[in-house]
C-alpha cells in the first residue's frame, strides 16, 4: 500500500506569497510607516528581540479598523496563480497551510482569498471589526510548526515548508523537505532542500508534484 510522501505543505507569507512584506507596505497608507520602520531598525540593530519587535509593531495597529488594514494589504503585489496552486496541491491530497509571524487576521484573509486550510501565526485579536490590544507574537515559526504537526498527528518528516527568509531556516531544518523561494540570502538557499526563482506559484506545485511522484514511501 502506497502512502503519500508528504502530508502538509506550509507557506511563508511575506516575500513568498506577497512579493513584498505585506504589513510593512500596508502601513504606509495607514500613516504609521515611519514608526513601523523604526521598530524594524531597532530589531536589526539588535536593540530589541524579534518578539519585542513584533509586539510593538502590532500594537501600532490597535484601534484601527480591520477593513482599513486589509484594504491596504490588498494593494500589495502577490505571486501569480496562488488559488490555482493551492487547489492543485489539495488535489494531491495535501493539507496546505500558512506558517508566518504575521497576525492571524492576515492569514484569515489569505484563507478566504485562496483556500488555504489553516495557519500557524501570531495572534492579534479583533473585536467588532477593530484591532484590540490582545496580542501573542510568534517569533519562532519552528515552534509553531512543531505544535501544529503534533496537534494534527502529522510527522514533521512529511511536511514541506516554502519560504524565503532567515526565520524560515529553523523550519527548513526540522521538516522533511524545504523550498527556498525567490531568496537572495545564501544561508536560506543552503538550508533548503531545493531553491527556485519564479513569480508563479504553479511552479512550486509542479516541483512538489514531481517530488511526490519520484519517490513514494511504502507501508
N, C-alpha and C. Protein backbone atom coordinates (compact mmCIF):
# COMPACT_ATOMS: atom_id res chain seq x y z
N UNK A 1 0.85 -1.21 0.00
CA UNK A 1 0.00 0.00 0.00
C UNK A 1 0.87 1.24 0.00
N UNK A 2 0.63 2.12 -0.94
CA UNK A 2 1.43 3.34 -1.04
C UNK A 2 0.84 4.44 -0.17
N UNK A 3 1.71 5.18 0.47
CA UNK A 3 1.27 6.34 1.25
C UNK A 3 1.93 7.59 0.69
N UNK A 4 1.32 8.73 0.97
CA UNK A 4 1.87 9.98 0.46
C UNK A 4 3.22 10.27 1.08
N UNK A 5 4.14 10.72 0.24
CA UNK A 5 5.46 11.12 0.74
C UNK A 5 5.33 12.34 1.64
N UNK A 6 4.44 13.27 1.26
CA UNK A 6 4.19 14.47 2.05
C UNK A 6 2.72 14.52 2.44
N UNK A 7 2.45 15.18 3.54
CA UNK A 7 1.07 15.33 4.02
C UNK A 7 0.68 16.80 4.09
N UNK A 8 1.63 17.65 4.49
CA UNK A 8 1.37 19.08 4.67
C UNK A 8 2.36 19.90 3.86
N UNK A 9 1.87 20.97 3.25
CA UNK A 9 2.73 21.99 2.66
C UNK A 9 2.43 23.30 3.36
N UNK A 10 3.44 23.91 3.97
CA UNK A 10 3.24 25.20 4.63
C UNK A 10 3.99 26.28 3.86
N UNK A 11 3.33 27.43 3.75
CA UNK A 11 3.90 28.57 3.03
C UNK A 11 4.15 29.73 3.98
N UNK A 12 5.33 30.31 3.89
CA UNK A 12 5.59 31.61 4.47
C UNK A 12 4.71 32.62 3.73
N UNK A 13 4.54 33.81 4.29
CA UNK A 13 3.66 34.81 3.70
C UNK A 13 4.45 35.94 3.04
N UNK A 14 5.24 36.67 3.82
CA UNK A 14 5.96 37.84 3.29
C UNK A 14 7.08 37.43 2.34
N UNK A 15 7.05 37.99 1.13
CA UNK A 15 8.06 37.75 0.09
C UNK A 15 8.06 36.30 -0.39
N UNK A 16 7.00 35.56 -0.02
CA UNK A 16 6.79 34.22 -0.55
C UNK A 16 5.48 34.21 -1.31
N UNK A 17 4.38 34.59 -0.65
CA UNK A 17 3.10 34.79 -1.33
C UNK A 17 2.96 36.24 -1.78
N UNK A 18 3.14 37.16 -0.83
CA UNK A 18 3.26 38.57 -1.19
C UNK A 18 4.68 38.80 -1.71
N UNK A 19 4.81 39.61 -2.74
CA UNK A 19 6.14 39.88 -3.29
C UNK A 19 6.95 40.80 -2.39
N UNK A 20 6.27 41.53 -1.49
CA UNK A 20 6.92 42.40 -0.52
C UNK A 20 6.27 42.13 0.85
N UNK A 21 6.93 42.50 1.96
CA UNK A 21 6.31 42.29 3.26
C UNK A 21 4.97 43.02 3.35
N UNK A 22 3.91 42.27 3.58
CA UNK A 22 2.55 42.80 3.41
C UNK A 22 2.24 43.97 4.34
N UNK A 23 2.40 43.76 5.64
CA UNK A 23 2.04 44.83 6.57
C UNK A 23 3.03 46.00 6.49
N UNK A 24 4.29 45.69 6.23
CA UNK A 24 5.29 46.77 6.10
C UNK A 24 4.90 47.72 4.97
N UNK A 25 4.31 47.17 3.91
CA UNK A 25 3.83 48.00 2.80
C UNK A 25 2.49 48.65 3.15
N UNK A 26 1.61 47.89 3.78
CA UNK A 26 0.26 48.38 4.07
C UNK A 26 0.27 49.58 5.02
N UNK A 27 1.19 49.57 5.98
CA UNK A 27 1.18 50.65 6.98
C UNK A 27 1.54 52.01 6.38
N UNK A 28 2.12 52.01 5.17
CA UNK A 28 2.40 53.29 4.50
C UNK A 28 1.11 54.08 4.32
N UNK A 29 0.07 53.37 3.88
CA UNK A 29 -1.20 54.02 3.65
C UNK A 29 -2.01 54.27 4.90
N UNK A 30 -1.52 53.71 6.01
CA UNK A 30 -2.23 53.87 7.28
C UNK A 30 -1.61 54.96 8.16
N UNK A 31 -0.53 55.56 7.65
CA UNK A 31 0.07 56.68 8.36
C UNK A 31 1.03 56.31 9.48
N UNK A 32 1.44 55.03 9.55
CA UNK A 32 2.35 54.62 10.63
C UNK A 32 3.62 53.98 10.09
N UNK A 33 3.93 54.27 8.83
CA UNK A 33 5.10 53.67 8.19
C UNK A 33 6.41 53.98 8.89
N UNK A 34 6.60 55.25 9.29
CA UNK A 34 7.87 55.64 9.93
C UNK A 34 8.04 54.95 11.28
N UNK A 35 6.98 54.89 12.06
CA UNK A 35 7.05 54.22 13.36
C UNK A 35 7.33 52.72 13.18
N UNK A 36 6.69 52.11 12.20
CA UNK A 36 6.88 50.69 11.91
C UNK A 36 8.34 50.43 11.52
N UNK A 37 8.87 51.27 10.63
CA UNK A 37 10.26 51.12 10.17
C UNK A 37 11.25 51.32 11.30
N UNK A 38 10.95 52.24 12.21
CA UNK A 38 11.85 52.49 13.34
C UNK A 38 11.98 51.25 14.22
N UNK A 39 10.88 50.53 14.39
CA UNK A 39 10.92 49.29 15.17
C UNK A 39 11.75 48.24 14.44
N UNK A 40 11.56 48.14 13.11
CA UNK A 40 12.38 47.22 12.30
C UNK A 40 13.87 47.52 12.48
N UNK A 41 14.22 48.79 12.45
CA UNK A 41 15.62 49.19 12.58
C UNK A 41 16.18 48.82 13.95
N UNK A 42 15.38 48.98 15.00
CA UNK A 42 15.83 48.60 16.34
C UNK A 42 16.09 47.10 16.42
N UNK A 43 15.24 46.30 15.76
CA UNK A 43 15.44 44.86 15.75
C UNK A 43 16.72 44.50 14.99
N UNK A 44 16.92 45.10 13.81
CA UNK A 44 18.09 44.76 13.00
C UNK A 44 19.39 45.23 13.67
N UNK A 45 19.30 46.22 14.51
CA UNK A 45 20.48 46.67 15.28
C UNK A 45 20.63 45.88 16.58
N UNK A 46 19.77 44.88 16.76
CA UNK A 46 19.79 44.02 17.94
C UNK A 46 19.54 44.79 19.24
N UNK A 47 18.74 45.83 19.13
CA UNK A 47 18.34 46.59 20.32
C UNK A 47 17.15 45.94 21.02
N UNK A 48 16.34 45.22 20.24
CA UNK A 48 15.19 44.50 20.78
C UNK A 48 15.14 43.12 20.14
N UNK A 49 14.41 42.21 20.79
CA UNK A 49 14.24 40.86 20.24
C UNK A 49 13.17 40.87 19.16
N UNK A 50 13.10 39.80 18.39
CA UNK A 50 12.06 39.70 17.36
C UNK A 50 10.68 39.72 18.02
N UNK A 51 10.54 39.04 19.14
CA UNK A 51 9.26 39.04 19.85
C UNK A 51 8.85 40.46 20.25
N UNK A 52 9.80 41.21 20.79
CA UNK A 52 9.50 42.59 21.18
C UNK A 52 9.15 43.45 19.96
N UNK A 53 9.86 43.23 18.86
CA UNK A 53 9.60 43.99 17.64
C UNK A 53 8.21 43.72 17.10
N UNK A 54 7.83 42.44 17.03
CA UNK A 54 6.50 42.09 16.54
C UNK A 54 5.42 42.69 17.44
N UNK A 55 5.62 42.57 18.74
CA UNK A 55 4.64 43.09 19.69
C UNK A 55 4.45 44.60 19.51
N UNK A 56 5.56 45.32 19.40
CA UNK A 56 5.48 46.77 19.25
C UNK A 56 4.83 47.17 17.92
N UNK A 57 5.16 46.44 16.86
CA UNK A 57 4.56 46.75 15.56
C UNK A 57 3.05 46.48 15.56
N UNK A 58 2.66 45.34 16.10
CA UNK A 58 1.23 45.01 16.12
C UNK A 58 0.45 45.98 17.01
N UNK A 59 1.10 46.48 18.05
CA UNK A 59 0.43 47.46 18.92
C UNK A 59 0.13 48.76 18.17
N UNK A 60 0.91 49.06 17.14
CA UNK A 60 0.63 50.25 16.33
C UNK A 60 -0.71 50.13 15.60
N UNK A 61 -1.17 48.90 15.40
CA UNK A 61 -2.42 48.67 14.67
C UNK A 61 -3.65 48.74 15.58
N UNK A 62 -3.42 48.73 16.89
CA UNK A 62 -4.54 48.71 17.84
C UNK A 62 -5.41 49.96 17.66
N UNK A 63 -6.71 49.72 17.59
CA UNK A 63 -7.67 50.82 17.41
C UNK A 63 -8.05 51.05 15.96
N UNK A 64 -7.31 50.41 15.03
CA UNK A 64 -7.63 50.57 13.61
C UNK A 64 -8.72 49.59 13.19
N UNK A 65 -9.49 49.98 12.20
CA UNK A 65 -10.49 49.08 11.64
C UNK A 65 -9.80 48.02 10.79
N UNK A 66 -10.16 46.78 11.01
CA UNK A 66 -9.57 45.69 10.25
C UNK A 66 -9.78 45.89 8.75
N UNK A 67 -10.94 46.37 8.37
CA UNK A 67 -11.25 46.58 6.95
C UNK A 67 -10.28 47.58 6.32
N UNK A 68 -9.89 48.61 7.08
CA UNK A 68 -8.94 49.61 6.56
C UNK A 68 -7.56 48.99 6.35
N UNK A 69 -7.14 48.14 7.30
CA UNK A 69 -5.83 47.48 7.18
C UNK A 69 -5.82 46.53 5.98
N UNK A 70 -6.87 45.73 5.85
CA UNK A 70 -6.92 44.76 4.74
C UNK A 70 -7.07 45.45 3.39
N UNK A 71 -7.69 46.63 3.38
CA UNK A 71 -7.79 47.38 2.12
C UNK A 71 -6.40 47.76 1.62
N UNK A 72 -5.50 48.12 2.55
CA UNK A 72 -4.12 48.44 2.17
C UNK A 72 -3.34 47.18 1.81
N UNK A 73 -3.58 46.10 2.55
CA UNK A 73 -2.91 44.82 2.26
C UNK A 73 -3.25 44.37 0.84
N UNK A 74 -4.50 44.58 0.43
CA UNK A 74 -4.94 44.10 -0.89
C UNK A 74 -4.21 44.78 -2.04
N UNK A 75 -3.52 45.88 -1.77
CA UNK A 75 -2.78 46.61 -2.80
C UNK A 75 -1.36 46.05 -2.99
N UNK A 76 -0.90 45.19 -2.08
CA UNK A 76 0.48 44.68 -2.14
C UNK A 76 0.57 43.60 -3.22
N UNK A 77 1.54 43.68 -4.14
CA UNK A 77 1.67 42.68 -5.20
C UNK A 77 1.86 41.28 -4.65
N UNK A 78 1.27 40.30 -5.36
CA UNK A 78 1.35 38.91 -4.92
C UNK A 78 1.87 38.02 -6.04
N UNK A 79 2.24 36.81 -5.67
CA UNK A 79 2.60 35.79 -6.65
C UNK A 79 1.41 35.51 -7.56
N UNK A 80 1.69 35.03 -8.76
CA UNK A 80 0.63 34.64 -9.68
C UNK A 80 0.11 33.25 -9.34
N UNK A 81 -1.16 33.04 -9.61
CA UNK A 81 -1.78 31.71 -9.54
C UNK A 81 -1.71 31.05 -8.16
N UNK A 82 -1.95 31.83 -7.13
CA UNK A 82 -1.95 31.25 -5.78
C UNK A 82 -3.12 30.29 -5.61
N UNK A 83 -4.32 30.74 -5.95
CA UNK A 83 -5.51 29.89 -5.81
C UNK A 83 -5.36 28.60 -6.62
N UNK A 84 -4.86 28.71 -7.83
CA UNK A 84 -4.71 27.53 -8.68
C UNK A 84 -3.71 26.55 -8.07
N UNK A 85 -2.61 27.07 -7.54
CA UNK A 85 -1.60 26.20 -6.93
C UNK A 85 -2.14 25.52 -5.67
N UNK A 86 -2.85 26.29 -4.85
CA UNK A 86 -3.44 25.70 -3.63
C UNK A 86 -4.42 24.60 -4.01
N UNK A 87 -5.29 24.86 -4.98
CA UNK A 87 -6.27 23.86 -5.40
C UNK A 87 -5.58 22.59 -5.91
N UNK A 88 -4.53 22.75 -6.68
CA UNK A 88 -3.83 21.58 -7.22
C UNK A 88 -3.09 20.80 -6.13
N UNK A 89 -2.53 21.50 -5.17
CA UNK A 89 -1.87 20.82 -4.04
C UNK A 89 -2.91 20.06 -3.20
N UNK A 90 -4.06 20.68 -2.99
CA UNK A 90 -5.15 19.99 -2.29
C UNK A 90 -5.57 18.75 -3.07
N UNK A 91 -5.55 18.87 -4.40
CA UNK A 91 -5.91 17.75 -5.26
C UNK A 91 -4.95 16.57 -5.16
N UNK A 92 -3.73 16.85 -4.71
CA UNK A 92 -2.75 15.78 -4.48
C UNK A 92 -2.96 15.10 -3.13
N UNK A 93 -3.95 15.59 -2.38
CA UNK A 93 -4.21 15.02 -1.05
C UNK A 93 -3.45 15.68 0.07
N UNK A 94 -2.87 16.85 -0.22
CA UNK A 94 -2.07 17.57 0.78
C UNK A 94 -2.90 18.59 1.53
N UNK A 95 -2.55 18.81 2.78
CA UNK A 95 -3.11 19.93 3.53
C UNK A 95 -2.21 21.14 3.29
N UNK A 96 -2.78 22.27 2.88
CA UNK A 96 -1.99 23.45 2.50
C UNK A 96 -2.26 24.56 3.51
N UNK A 97 -1.22 24.95 4.24
CA UNK A 97 -1.39 25.91 5.33
C UNK A 97 -0.38 27.06 5.20
N UNK A 98 -0.53 28.04 6.08
CA UNK A 98 0.39 29.17 6.18
C UNK A 98 1.20 29.04 7.46
N UNK A 99 2.46 29.42 7.42
CA UNK A 99 3.31 29.44 8.61
C UNK A 99 4.08 30.76 8.60
N UNK A 100 3.69 31.68 9.50
CA UNK A 100 4.17 33.05 9.43
C UNK A 100 4.16 33.70 10.80
N UNK A 101 4.98 34.76 10.95
CA UNK A 101 4.89 35.55 12.18
C UNK A 101 3.90 36.70 12.02
N UNK A 102 3.24 36.78 10.86
CA UNK A 102 2.20 37.76 10.64
C UNK A 102 0.97 37.44 11.50
N UNK A 103 0.07 38.40 11.68
CA UNK A 103 -1.11 38.17 12.51
C UNK A 103 -2.10 37.18 11.89
N UNK A 104 -2.88 36.56 12.75
CA UNK A 104 -3.89 35.61 12.30
C UNK A 104 -4.94 36.26 11.40
N UNK A 105 -5.23 37.56 11.61
CA UNK A 105 -6.24 38.18 10.75
C UNK A 105 -5.76 38.28 9.31
N UNK A 106 -4.45 38.42 9.11
CA UNK A 106 -3.91 38.43 7.74
C UNK A 106 -4.00 37.03 7.13
N UNK A 107 -3.74 36.01 7.95
CA UNK A 107 -3.86 34.63 7.47
C UNK A 107 -5.30 34.30 7.11
N UNK A 108 -6.25 34.76 7.92
CA UNK A 108 -7.66 34.50 7.63
C UNK A 108 -8.06 35.14 6.30
N UNK A 109 -7.52 36.31 6.03
CA UNK A 109 -7.75 36.98 4.75
C UNK A 109 -7.25 36.10 3.60
N UNK A 110 -6.07 35.50 3.75
CA UNK A 110 -5.50 34.65 2.71
C UNK A 110 -6.28 33.34 2.58
N UNK A 111 -6.76 32.82 3.70
CA UNK A 111 -7.60 31.62 3.67
C UNK A 111 -8.85 31.88 2.82
N UNK A 112 -9.48 33.02 3.08
CA UNK A 112 -10.72 33.35 2.36
C UNK A 112 -10.46 33.64 0.88
N UNK A 113 -9.30 34.24 0.59
CA UNK A 113 -8.99 34.60 -0.80
C UNK A 113 -8.55 33.40 -1.63
N UNK A 114 -7.79 32.49 -1.01
CA UNK A 114 -7.08 31.48 -1.81
C UNK A 114 -7.31 30.03 -1.39
N UNK A 115 -8.04 29.79 -0.31
CA UNK A 115 -8.40 28.42 0.02
C UNK A 115 -7.41 27.64 0.87
N UNK A 116 -6.46 28.32 1.51
CA UNK A 116 -5.59 27.62 2.45
C UNK A 116 -6.44 26.97 3.54
N UNK A 117 -5.96 25.87 4.11
CA UNK A 117 -6.75 25.07 5.04
C UNK A 117 -6.42 25.32 6.52
N UNK A 118 -5.53 26.24 6.78
CA UNK A 118 -5.19 26.53 8.17
C UNK A 118 -3.97 27.40 8.23
N UNK A 119 -3.55 27.75 9.45
CA UNK A 119 -2.36 28.59 9.57
C UNK A 119 -1.74 28.49 10.96
N UNK A 120 -0.46 28.76 10.98
CA UNK A 120 0.34 28.92 12.19
C UNK A 120 0.83 30.36 12.16
N UNK A 121 0.48 31.16 13.18
CA UNK A 121 0.74 32.59 13.08
C UNK A 121 0.77 33.26 14.45
N UNK A 122 1.10 34.55 14.45
CA UNK A 122 0.90 35.38 15.62
C UNK A 122 -0.61 35.59 15.82
N UNK A 123 -0.98 35.93 17.04
CA UNK A 123 -2.40 36.18 17.32
C UNK A 123 -2.60 37.65 17.67
N UNK A 124 -3.48 38.30 16.92
CA UNK A 124 -3.83 39.70 17.16
C UNK A 124 -5.36 39.77 17.11
N UNK A 125 -5.97 40.03 18.24
CA UNK A 125 -7.42 39.92 18.34
C UNK A 125 -8.13 41.10 17.66
N UNK A 126 -9.32 40.80 17.17
CA UNK A 126 -10.20 41.80 16.55
C UNK A 126 -11.57 41.70 17.22
N UNK A 127 -12.11 42.83 17.63
CA UNK A 127 -13.43 42.86 18.26
C UNK A 127 -14.28 43.92 17.60
N UNK A 128 -15.46 43.50 17.15
CA UNK A 128 -16.38 44.42 16.46
C UNK A 128 -15.70 45.14 15.29
N UNK A 129 -14.84 44.39 14.59
CA UNK A 129 -14.19 44.94 13.41
C UNK A 129 -13.00 45.84 13.67
N UNK A 130 -12.60 45.94 14.96
CA UNK A 130 -11.48 46.81 15.34
C UNK A 130 -10.38 45.98 16.00
N UNK A 131 -9.12 46.23 15.64
CA UNK A 131 -7.99 45.52 16.22
C UNK A 131 -7.79 45.98 17.67
N UNK A 132 -7.67 45.02 18.58
CA UNK A 132 -7.55 45.34 20.00
C UNK A 132 -6.21 44.86 20.55
N UNK A 133 -5.89 45.33 21.75
CA UNK A 133 -4.59 45.05 22.37
C UNK A 133 -4.60 43.70 23.10
N UNK A 134 -4.79 42.65 22.32
CA UNK A 134 -4.73 41.27 22.82
C UNK A 134 -3.85 40.53 21.82
N UNK A 135 -2.55 40.52 22.11
CA UNK A 135 -1.55 40.15 21.10
C UNK A 135 -0.62 39.06 21.64
N UNK A 136 -0.37 38.03 20.83
CA UNK A 136 0.59 36.99 21.17
C UNK A 136 1.45 36.72 19.94
N UNK A 137 2.64 37.34 19.89
CA UNK A 137 3.50 37.16 18.71
C UNK A 137 4.02 35.72 18.59
N UNK A 138 4.36 35.34 17.37
CA UNK A 138 5.01 34.04 17.11
C UNK A 138 6.38 34.31 16.49
N UNK A 139 7.39 34.59 17.32
CA UNK A 139 8.72 34.88 16.77
C UNK A 139 9.44 33.63 16.26
N UNK A 140 9.05 32.44 16.76
CA UNK A 140 9.72 31.20 16.39
C UNK A 140 8.76 30.32 15.59
N UNK A 141 8.86 30.39 14.27
CA UNK A 141 7.96 29.62 13.41
C UNK A 141 8.22 28.11 13.54
N UNK A 142 9.43 27.74 13.89
CA UNK A 142 9.74 26.31 14.09
C UNK A 142 8.89 25.74 15.22
N UNK A 143 8.79 26.49 16.31
CA UNK A 143 7.96 26.06 17.43
C UNK A 143 6.50 25.95 16.99
N UNK A 144 6.06 26.91 16.18
CA UNK A 144 4.69 26.90 15.69
C UNK A 144 4.38 25.68 14.84
N UNK A 145 5.27 25.34 13.91
CA UNK A 145 5.01 24.20 13.03
C UNK A 145 5.12 22.89 13.80
N UNK A 146 6.01 22.83 14.79
CA UNK A 146 6.10 21.64 15.65
C UNK A 146 4.77 21.40 16.36
N UNK A 147 4.22 22.47 16.95
CA UNK A 147 2.96 22.34 17.69
C UNK A 147 1.83 21.94 16.76
N UNK A 148 1.79 22.54 15.57
CA UNK A 148 0.74 22.23 14.61
C UNK A 148 0.79 20.75 14.22
N UNK A 149 1.98 20.28 13.88
CA UNK A 149 2.13 18.89 13.44
C UNK A 149 1.80 17.91 14.58
N UNK A 150 2.20 18.26 15.80
CA UNK A 150 1.87 17.41 16.95
C UNK A 150 0.36 17.36 17.16
N UNK A 151 -0.28 18.51 17.05
CA UNK A 151 -1.73 18.61 17.24
C UNK A 151 -2.48 17.81 16.18
N UNK A 152 -1.98 17.83 14.95
CA UNK A 152 -2.63 17.14 13.84
C UNK A 152 -2.13 15.70 13.66
N UNK A 153 -1.20 15.28 14.53
CA UNK A 153 -0.59 13.95 14.44
C UNK A 153 0.04 13.71 13.08
N UNK A 154 0.79 14.71 12.62
CA UNK A 154 1.48 14.64 11.33
C UNK A 154 2.99 14.64 11.59
N UNK A 155 3.74 13.68 11.06
CA UNK A 155 5.19 13.71 11.24
C UNK A 155 5.81 14.93 10.55
N UNK A 156 6.75 15.57 11.21
CA UNK A 156 7.47 16.68 10.57
C UNK A 156 8.16 16.22 9.29
N UNK A 157 8.52 14.94 9.26
CA UNK A 157 9.21 14.39 8.08
C UNK A 157 8.32 14.37 6.84
N UNK A 158 7.00 14.49 7.03
CA UNK A 158 6.07 14.50 5.91
C UNK A 158 5.55 15.92 5.63
N UNK A 159 6.29 16.92 6.13
CA UNK A 159 5.92 18.32 5.95
C UNK A 159 6.90 19.01 5.01
N UNK A 160 6.35 19.81 4.10
CA UNK A 160 7.15 20.66 3.21
C UNK A 160 6.95 22.10 3.65
N UNK A 161 8.03 22.86 3.73
CA UNK A 161 7.89 24.29 4.02
C UNK A 161 8.51 25.10 2.89
N UNK A 162 7.78 26.15 2.47
CA UNK A 162 8.22 27.04 1.41
C UNK A 162 8.41 28.43 2.01
N UNK A 163 9.61 28.99 1.87
CA UNK A 163 9.86 30.31 2.44
C UNK A 163 11.09 30.96 1.86
N UNK A 164 11.40 32.16 2.32
CA UNK A 164 12.49 32.93 1.73
C UNK A 164 13.43 33.56 2.74
N UNK A 165 13.03 33.61 4.03
CA UNK A 165 13.75 34.44 4.98
C UNK A 165 14.57 33.66 5.99
N UNK A 166 15.37 34.40 6.77
CA UNK A 166 16.19 33.77 7.80
C UNK A 166 15.35 33.06 8.85
N UNK A 167 14.13 33.58 9.09
CA UNK A 167 13.29 32.92 10.09
C UNK A 167 12.64 31.65 9.55
N UNK A 168 12.86 31.36 8.25
CA UNK A 168 12.41 30.09 7.69
C UNK A 168 13.47 29.00 7.86
N UNK A 169 14.71 29.38 8.07
CA UNK A 169 15.80 28.41 8.17
C UNK A 169 15.57 27.39 9.29
N UNK A 170 15.19 27.82 10.51
CA UNK A 170 14.91 26.82 11.55
C UNK A 170 13.79 25.86 11.17
N UNK A 171 12.81 26.35 10.41
CA UNK A 171 11.72 25.47 9.95
C UNK A 171 12.27 24.48 8.93
N UNK A 172 13.08 24.98 7.99
CA UNK A 172 13.70 24.11 6.99
C UNK A 172 14.42 22.93 7.66
N UNK A 173 15.04 23.20 8.80
CA UNK A 173 15.88 22.18 9.45
C UNK A 173 15.09 21.09 10.15
N UNK A 174 13.79 21.31 10.40
CA UNK A 174 13.02 20.29 11.12
C UNK A 174 12.01 19.57 10.23
N UNK A 175 11.68 20.14 9.06
CA UNK A 175 10.70 19.48 8.18
C UNK A 175 11.39 18.51 7.23
N UNK A 176 10.56 17.70 6.56
CA UNK A 176 11.11 16.69 5.67
C UNK A 176 11.66 17.23 4.36
N UNK A 177 11.09 18.34 3.90
CA UNK A 177 11.51 18.91 2.62
C UNK A 177 11.26 20.41 2.66
N UNK A 178 12.12 21.16 1.99
CA UNK A 178 12.00 22.62 2.06
C UNK A 178 12.37 23.25 0.73
N UNK A 179 11.69 24.36 0.43
CA UNK A 179 11.93 25.08 -0.82
C UNK A 179 12.22 26.54 -0.49
N UNK A 180 13.40 27.00 -0.87
CA UNK A 180 13.75 28.42 -0.74
C UNK A 180 13.26 29.11 -2.00
N UNK A 181 12.29 30.02 -1.83
CA UNK A 181 11.63 30.64 -2.97
C UNK A 181 12.01 32.11 -3.09
N UNK A 182 12.62 32.47 -4.22
CA UNK A 182 12.93 33.87 -4.53
C UNK A 182 13.73 34.56 -3.43
N UNK A 183 14.72 33.86 -2.91
CA UNK A 183 15.54 34.46 -1.86
C UNK A 183 16.92 34.83 -2.39
N UNK A 184 17.46 35.92 -1.90
CA UNK A 184 18.83 36.30 -2.24
C UNK A 184 19.80 35.97 -1.12
N UNK A 185 19.31 35.29 -0.10
CA UNK A 185 20.13 35.01 1.09
C UNK A 185 20.77 33.63 0.98
N UNK A 186 22.09 33.60 0.95
CA UNK A 186 22.80 32.33 0.77
C UNK A 186 22.52 31.35 1.90
N UNK A 187 22.38 31.85 3.12
CA UNK A 187 22.11 30.96 4.26
C UNK A 187 20.78 30.23 4.07
N UNK A 188 19.80 30.95 3.53
CA UNK A 188 18.49 30.34 3.29
C UNK A 188 18.59 29.30 2.18
N UNK A 189 19.30 29.64 1.11
CA UNK A 189 19.47 28.69 -0.01
C UNK A 189 20.17 27.41 0.45
N UNK A 190 21.22 27.58 1.26
CA UNK A 190 21.98 26.41 1.73
C UNK A 190 21.15 25.50 2.63
N UNK A 191 20.24 26.10 3.40
CA UNK A 191 19.46 25.32 4.36
C UNK A 191 18.33 24.54 3.70
N UNK A 192 17.94 24.94 2.50
CA UNK A 192 16.77 24.35 1.84
C UNK A 192 17.13 23.10 1.05
N UNK A 193 16.14 22.23 0.89
CA UNK A 193 16.31 21.04 0.05
C UNK A 193 16.40 21.43 -1.42
N UNK A 194 15.70 22.51 -1.78
CA UNK A 194 15.63 22.95 -3.17
C UNK A 194 15.44 24.46 -3.18
N UNK A 195 15.91 25.11 -4.23
CA UNK A 195 15.69 26.55 -4.35
C UNK A 195 15.17 26.86 -5.75
N UNK A 196 14.32 27.88 -5.85
CA UNK A 196 13.79 28.24 -7.15
C UNK A 196 13.42 29.71 -7.20
N UNK A 197 13.43 30.24 -8.41
CA UNK A 197 13.06 31.63 -8.67
C UNK A 197 11.87 31.61 -9.62
N UNK A 198 10.77 32.21 -9.23
CA UNK A 198 9.60 32.27 -10.08
C UNK A 198 8.61 33.28 -9.52
N UNK A 199 7.73 33.79 -10.40
CA UNK A 199 6.65 34.66 -9.91
C UNK A 199 5.32 33.93 -10.02
N UNK A 200 5.38 32.62 -10.25
CA UNK A 200 4.19 31.81 -10.49
C UNK A 200 4.17 30.64 -9.51
N UNK A 201 3.18 30.62 -8.61
CA UNK A 201 3.16 29.58 -7.58
C UNK A 201 2.87 28.20 -8.17
N UNK A 202 2.37 28.14 -9.37
CA UNK A 202 2.17 26.84 -10.01
C UNK A 202 3.49 26.11 -10.23
N UNK A 203 4.59 26.86 -10.35
CA UNK A 203 5.91 26.23 -10.48
C UNK A 203 6.27 25.48 -9.20
N UNK A 204 5.87 26.03 -8.07
CA UNK A 204 6.11 25.35 -6.79
C UNK A 204 5.28 24.07 -6.73
N UNK A 205 4.02 24.18 -7.14
CA UNK A 205 3.17 22.98 -7.19
C UNK A 205 3.80 21.89 -8.07
N UNK A 206 4.27 22.28 -9.25
CA UNK A 206 4.84 21.30 -10.18
C UNK A 206 6.05 20.60 -9.57
N UNK A 207 6.87 21.38 -8.84
CA UNK A 207 8.05 20.77 -8.22
C UNK A 207 7.64 19.79 -7.13
N UNK A 208 6.68 20.18 -6.30
CA UNK A 208 6.23 19.28 -5.23
C UNK A 208 5.60 18.03 -5.82
N UNK A 209 4.80 18.20 -6.87
CA UNK A 209 4.20 17.05 -7.54
C UNK A 209 5.27 16.09 -8.06
N UNK A 210 6.32 16.67 -8.63
CA UNK A 210 7.43 15.86 -9.15
C UNK A 210 8.12 15.09 -8.03
N UNK A 211 8.35 15.77 -6.91
CA UNK A 211 8.99 15.12 -5.76
C UNK A 211 8.13 13.97 -5.22
N UNK A 212 6.83 14.20 -5.20
CA UNK A 212 5.92 13.17 -4.67
C UNK A 212 5.85 11.94 -5.58
N UNK A 213 5.92 12.16 -6.89
CA UNK A 213 5.79 11.05 -7.81
C UNK A 213 7.11 10.30 -8.00
N UNK A 214 8.23 10.96 -7.70
CA UNK A 214 9.53 10.32 -7.95
C UNK A 214 9.86 9.25 -6.93
N UNK A 215 9.49 9.52 -5.66
CA UNK A 215 9.77 8.54 -4.61
C UNK A 215 8.62 8.53 -3.63
N UNK A 216 7.87 7.45 -3.61
CA UNK A 216 6.79 7.31 -2.65
C UNK A 216 7.15 6.25 -1.61
N UNK A 217 6.86 6.58 -0.37
CA UNK A 217 7.16 5.61 0.68
C UNK A 217 6.09 4.53 0.68
N UNK A 218 6.44 3.34 1.15
CA UNK A 218 5.53 2.20 1.17
C UNK A 218 5.38 1.69 2.59
N UNK A 219 4.15 1.43 2.99
CA UNK A 219 3.92 0.86 4.32
C UNK A 219 4.42 -0.57 4.38
